[in-house]
Amino acid sequence: MSYELAISAILTEDGVEESTTMKSPCIRYKGAFLAMMFDKEDALIVKVSPERVDKLIACGKGIEFNFTKKRFREWVLIPLEFQDEYQGYIKEALDYAKANQAK
Protein backbone atom coordinates (compact mmCIF):
# COMPACT_ATOMS: atom_id res chain seq x y z
CA MET A 1 0.00 0.00 0.00
CA SER A 2 1.43 3.37 -0.96
CA TYR A 3 2.19 6.00 1.66
CA GLU A 4 -0.68 8.17 0.43
CA LEU A 5 -3.20 5.34 0.81
CA ALA A 6 -1.76 4.32 4.17
CA ILE A 7 -2.07 7.79 5.67
CA SER A 8 -5.55 8.36 4.25
CA ALA A 9 -6.90 5.77 6.70
CA ILE A 10 -4.89 7.14 9.65
CA LEU A 11 -5.95 10.74 8.95
CA THR A 12 -9.52 9.82 9.95
CA GLU A 13 -8.33 9.19 13.54
CA ASP A 14 -8.99 11.97 16.08
CA GLY A 15 -5.87 14.04 16.71
CA VAL A 16 -4.05 12.98 13.53
CA GLU A 17 -3.18 15.75 11.11
CA GLU A 18 -0.93 16.56 8.20
CA SER A 19 2.03 18.78 9.02
CA THR A 20 5.69 19.25 8.06
CA THR A 21 9.07 18.36 9.48
CA MET A 22 12.49 18.92 7.94
CA LYS A 23 10.68 20.94 5.23
CA SER A 24 8.76 17.83 4.14
CA PRO A 25 5.15 16.69 4.60
CA CYS A 26 4.50 14.40 7.55
CA ILE A 27 1.67 13.29 9.81
CA ARG A 28 1.39 13.98 13.51
CA TYR A 29 -0.77 12.96 16.44
CA LYS A 30 -1.58 15.89 18.73
CA GLY A 31 1.64 17.52 17.58
CA ALA A 32 3.85 14.43 17.97
CA PHE A 33 5.61 13.17 14.83
CA LEU A 34 4.28 9.86 13.46
CA ALA A 35 5.54 9.27 9.94
CA MET A 36 6.71 10.69 6.64
CA MET A 37 8.20 9.63 3.35
CA PHE A 38 11.92 10.38 3.25
CA ASP A 39 12.54 10.93 -0.43
CA LYS A 40 16.31 11.07 -0.03
CA GLU A 41 16.26 7.37 0.94
CA ASP A 42 13.03 6.41 -0.86
CA ALA A 43 11.68 5.06 2.43
CA LEU A 44 9.04 5.61 5.08
CA ILE A 45 10.16 6.98 8.44
CA VAL A 46 8.08 6.00 11.47
CA LYS A 47 8.55 6.87 15.13
CA VAL A 48 8.22 3.79 17.34
CA SER A 49 9.86 2.56 20.54
CA PRO A 50 13.65 2.15 20.55
CA GLU A 51 13.15 -1.59 21.12
CA ARG A 52 10.92 -1.82 18.04
CA VAL A 53 13.48 0.13 15.99
CA ASP A 54 16.14 -2.39 17.00
CA LYS A 55 13.86 -5.34 16.11
CA LEU A 56 13.01 -3.91 12.68
CA ILE A 57 16.68 -3.36 11.92
CA ALA A 58 17.62 -6.85 13.18
CA CYS A 59 15.01 -8.57 10.98
CA GLY A 60 16.06 -6.62 7.88
CA LYS A 61 12.90 -4.55 7.44
CA GLY A 62 14.28 -1.37 8.99
CA ILE A 63 17.30 0.84 8.44
CA GLU A 64 18.83 3.09 11.08
CA PHE A 65 17.92 6.74 10.58
CA ASN A 66 20.93 8.98 11.15
CA PHE A 67 20.22 11.97 8.95
CA THR A 68 22.41 14.31 11.02
CA LYS A 69 25.07 11.65 11.71
CA LYS A 70 23.32 11.12 15.04
CA ARG A 71 21.14 8.06 15.45
CA PHE A 72 17.48 8.84 16.06
CA ARG A 73 16.68 6.02 18.47
CA GLU A 74 12.90 6.18 17.92
CA TRP A 75 12.94 6.69 14.14
CA VAL A 76 13.42 3.93 11.60
CA LEU A 77 13.43 3.86 7.81
CA ILE A 78 11.24 1.27 6.11
CA PRO A 79 12.29 0.79 2.45
CA LEU A 80 9.81 0.86 -0.42
CA GLU A 81 10.11 -2.90 -0.86
CA PHE A 82 7.94 -3.16 2.29
CA GLN A 83 5.35 -0.57 1.24
CA ASP A 84 2.57 -3.18 1.46
CA GLU A 85 3.13 -3.00 5.23
CA TYR A 86 3.26 0.81 5.53
CA GLN A 87 -0.25 1.12 6.97
CA GLY A 88 0.64 -1.28 9.78
CA TYR A 89 3.85 0.59 10.60
CA ILE A 90 2.03 3.92 10.62
CA LYS A 91 -0.62 2.42 12.94
CA GLU A 92 2.20 1.26 15.25
CA ALA A 93 3.55 4.81 15.27
CA LEU A 94 0.09 6.13 16.17
CA ASP A 95 -0.27 3.60 19.00
CA TYR A 96 3.18 4.56 20.28
CA ALA A 97 2.30 8.28 20.20
CA LYS A 98 -0.99 7.67 22.01
CA ALA A 99 0.78 5.65 24.72
CA ASN A 100 3.34 8.42 25.19
CA GLN A 101 0.61 11.08 25.43
CA ALA A 102 -1.16 9.03 28.12
CA LYS A 103 1.91 9.09 30.39
C-alpha atoms as a PDB file:
ATOM      1  CA  MET A   1       0.000   0.000   0.000  1.00  0.00           C
ATOM      2  CA  SER A   2       1.428   3.369  -0.959  1.00  0.00           C
ATOM      3  CA  TYR A   3       2.192   6.000   1.664  1.00  0.00           C
ATOM      4  CA  GLU A   4      -0.679   8.170   0.430  1.00  0.00           C
ATOM      5  CA  LEU A   5      -3.199   5.344   0.809  1.00  0.00           C
ATOM      6  CA  ALA A   6      -1.757   4.317   4.171  1.00  0.00           C
ATOM      7  CA  ILE A   7      -2.070   7.789   5.665  1.00  0.00           C
ATOM      8  CA  SER A   8      -5.551   8.360   4.254  1.00  0.00           C
ATOM      9  CA  ALA A   9      -6.901   5.774   6.701  1.00  0.00           C
ATOM     10  CA  ILE A  10      -4.889   7.140   9.646  1.00  0.00           C
ATOM     11  CA  LEU A  11      -5.951  10.740   8.946  1.00  0.00           C
ATOM     12  CA  THR A  12      -9.520   9.815   9.945  1.00  0.00           C
ATOM     13  CA  GLU A  13      -8.328   9.195  13.541  1.00  0.00           C
ATOM     14  CA  ASP A  14      -8.993  11.970  16.077  1.00  0.00           C
ATOM     15  CA  GLY A  15      -5.871  14.040  16.708  1.00  0.00           C
ATOM     16  CA  VAL A  16      -4.048  12.977  13.535  1.00  0.00           C
ATOM     17  CA  GLU A  17      -3.182  15.747  11.106  1.00  0.00           C
ATOM     18  CA  GLU A  18      -0.935  16.561   8.201  1.00  0.00           C
ATOM     19  CA  SER A  19       2.032  18.776   9.017  1.00  0.00           C
ATOM     20  CA  THR A  20       5.685  19.254   8.065  1.00  0.00           C
ATOM     21  CA  THR A  21       9.074  18.357   9.475  1.00  0.00           C
ATOM     22  CA  MET A  22      12.495  18.918   7.938  1.00  0.00           C
ATOM     23  CA  LYS A  23      10.684  20.941   5.230  1.00  0.00           C
ATOM     24  CA  SER A  24       8.763  17.827   4.136  1.00  0.00           C
ATOM     25  CA  PRO A  25       5.150  16.685   4.601  1.00  0.00           C
ATOM     26  CA  CYS A  26       4.503  14.403   7.554  1.00  0.00           C
ATOM     27  CA  ILE A  27       1.671  13.289   9.813  1.00  0.00           C
ATOM     28  CA  ARG A  28       1.395  13.984  13.514  1.00  0.00           C
ATOM     29  CA  TYR A  29      -0.768  12.961  16.441  1.00  0.00           C
ATOM     30  CA  LYS A  30      -1.582  15.893  18.733  1.00  0.00           C
ATOM     31  CA  GLY A  31       1.643  17.523  17.581  1.00  0.00           C
ATOM     32  CA  ALA A  32       3.849  14.435  17.972  1.00  0.00           C
ATOM     33  CA  PHE A  33       5.606  13.171  14.826  1.00  0.00           C
ATOM     34  CA  LEU A  34       4.280   9.859  13.465  1.00  0.00           C
ATOM     35  CA  ALA A  35       5.536   9.272   9.944  1.00  0.00           C
ATOM     36  CA  MET A  36       6.715  10.694   6.644  1.00  0.00           C
ATOM     37  CA  MET A  37       8.205   9.633   3.350  1.00  0.00           C
ATOM     38  CA  PHE A  38      11.921  10.379   3.251  1.00  0.00           C
ATOM     39  CA  ASP A  39      12.536  10.931  -0.431  1.00  0.00           C
ATOM     40  CA  LYS A  40      16.314  11.074  -0.034  1.00  0.00           C
ATOM     41  CA  GLU A  41      16.257   7.373   0.938  1.00  0.00           C
ATOM     42  CA  ASP A  42      13.029   6.411  -0.864  1.00  0.00           C
ATOM     43  CA  ALA A  43      11.684   5.060   2.428  1.00  0.00           C
ATOM     44  CA  LEU A  44       9.037   5.610   5.085  1.00  0.00           C
ATOM     45  CA  ILE A  45      10.156   6.984   8.443  1.00  0.00           C
ATOM     46  CA  VAL A  46       8.084   6.002  11.473  1.00  0.00           C
ATOM     47  CA  LYS A  47       8.547   6.868  15.125  1.00  0.00           C
ATOM     48  CA  VAL A  48       8.224   3.788  17.337  1.00  0.00           C
ATOM     49  CA  SER A  49       9.861   2.564  20.540  1.00  0.00           C
ATOM     50  CA  PRO A  50      13.648   2.152  20.547  1.00  0.00           C
ATOM     51  CA  GLU A  51      13.149  -1.589  21.120  1.00  0.00           C
ATOM     52  CA  ARG A  52      10.918  -1.823  18.043  1.00  0.00           C
ATOM     53  CA  VAL A  53      13.476   0.131  15.992  1.00  0.00           C
ATOM     54  CA  ASP A  54      16.143  -2.394  16.995  1.00  0.00           C
ATOM     55  CA  LYS A  55      13.864  -5.339  16.110  1.00  0.00           C
ATOM     56  CA  LEU A  56      13.007  -3.913  12.683  1.00  0.00           C
ATOM     57  CA  ILE A  57      16.684  -3.362  11.919  1.00  0.00           C
ATOM     58  CA  ALA A  58      17.616  -6.848  13.176  1.00  0.00           C
ATOM     59  CA  CYS A  59      15.010  -8.573  10.982  1.00  0.00           C
ATOM     60  CA  GLY A  60      16.057  -6.623   7.885  1.00  0.00           C
ATOM     61  CA  LYS A  61      12.904  -4.548   7.437  1.00  0.00           C
ATOM     62  CA  GLY A  62      14.277  -1.371   8.993  1.00  0.00           C
ATOM     63  CA  ILE A  63      17.297   0.842   8.444  1.00  0.00           C
ATOM     64  CA  GLU A  64      18.830   3.087  11.082  1.00  0.00           C
ATOM     65  CA  PHE A  65      17.917   6.743  10.581  1.00  0.00           C
ATOM     66  CA  ASN A  66      20.933   8.975  11.154  1.00  0.00           C
ATOM     67  CA  PHE A  67      20.218  11.973   8.952  1.00  0.00           C
ATOM     68  CA  THR A  68      22.408  14.308  11.017  1.00  0.00           C
ATOM     69  CA  LYS A  69      25.065  11.654  11.710  1.00  0.00           C
ATOM     70  CA  LYS A  70      23.319  11.123  15.042  1.00  0.00           C
ATOM     71  CA  ARG A  71      21.135   8.064  15.451  1.00  0.00           C
ATOM     72  CA  PHE A  72      17.479   8.839  16.061  1.00  0.00           C
ATOM     73  CA  ARG A  73      16.678   6.019  18.465  1.00  0.00           C
ATOM     74  CA  GLU A  74      12.898   6.184  17.921  1.00  0.00           C
ATOM     75  CA  TRP A  75      12.939   6.689  14.142  1.00  0.00           C
ATOM     76  CA  VAL A  76      13.421   3.925  11.602  1.00  0.00           C
ATOM     77  CA  LEU A  77      13.434   3.863   7.809  1.00  0.00           C
ATOM     78  CA  ILE A  78      11.239   1.269   6.106  1.00  0.00           C
ATOM     79  CA  PRO A  79      12.291   0.792   2.449  1.00  0.00           C
ATOM     80  CA  LEU A  80       9.808   0.859  -0.423  1.00  0.00           C
ATOM     81  CA  GLU A  81      10.111  -2.899  -0.858  1.00  0.00           C
ATOM     82  CA  PHE A  82       7.943  -3.164   2.287  1.00  0.00           C
ATOM     83  CA  GLN A  83       5.353  -0.574   1.243  1.00  0.00           C
ATOM     84  CA  ASP A  84       2.573  -3.181   1.460  1.00  0.00           C
ATOM     85  CA  GLU A  85       3.134  -3.004   5.233  1.00  0.00           C
ATOM     86  CA  TYR A  86       3.257   0.808   5.526  1.00  0.00           C
ATOM     87  CA  GLN A  87      -0.248   1.119   6.967  1.00  0.00           C
ATOM     88  CA  GLY A  88       0.638  -1.282   9.779  1.00  0.00           C
ATOM     89  CA  TYR A  89       3.855   0.591  10.600  1.00  0.00           C
ATOM     90  CA  ILE A  90       2.029   3.923  10.625  1.00  0.00           C
ATOM     91  CA  LYS A  91      -0.616   2.420  12.937  1.00  0.00           C
ATOM     92  CA  GLU A  92       2.196   1.260  15.250  1.00  0.00           C
ATOM     93  CA  ALA A  93       3.552   4.812  15.271  1.00  0.00           C
ATOM     94  CA  LEU A  94       0.091   6.127  16.169  1.00  0.00           C
ATOM     95  CA  ASP A  95      -0.270   3.596  18.995  1.00  0.00           C
ATOM     96  CA  TYR A  96       3.182   4.561  20.280  1.00  0.00           C
ATOM     97  CA  ALA A  97       2.305   8.284  20.196  1.00  0.00           C
ATOM     98  CA  LYS A  98      -0.987   7.666  22.010  1.00  0.00           C
ATOM     99  CA  ALA A  99       0.782   5.647  24.716  1.00  0.00           C
ATOM    100  CA  ASN A 100       3.337   8.425  25.190  1.00  0.00           C
ATOM    101  CA  GLN A 101       0.606  11.077  25.428  1.00  0.00           C
ATOM    102  CA  ALA A 102      -1.160   9.028  28.118  1.00  0.00           C
ATOM    103  CA  LYS A 103       1.908   9.091  30.390  1.00  0.00           C
END
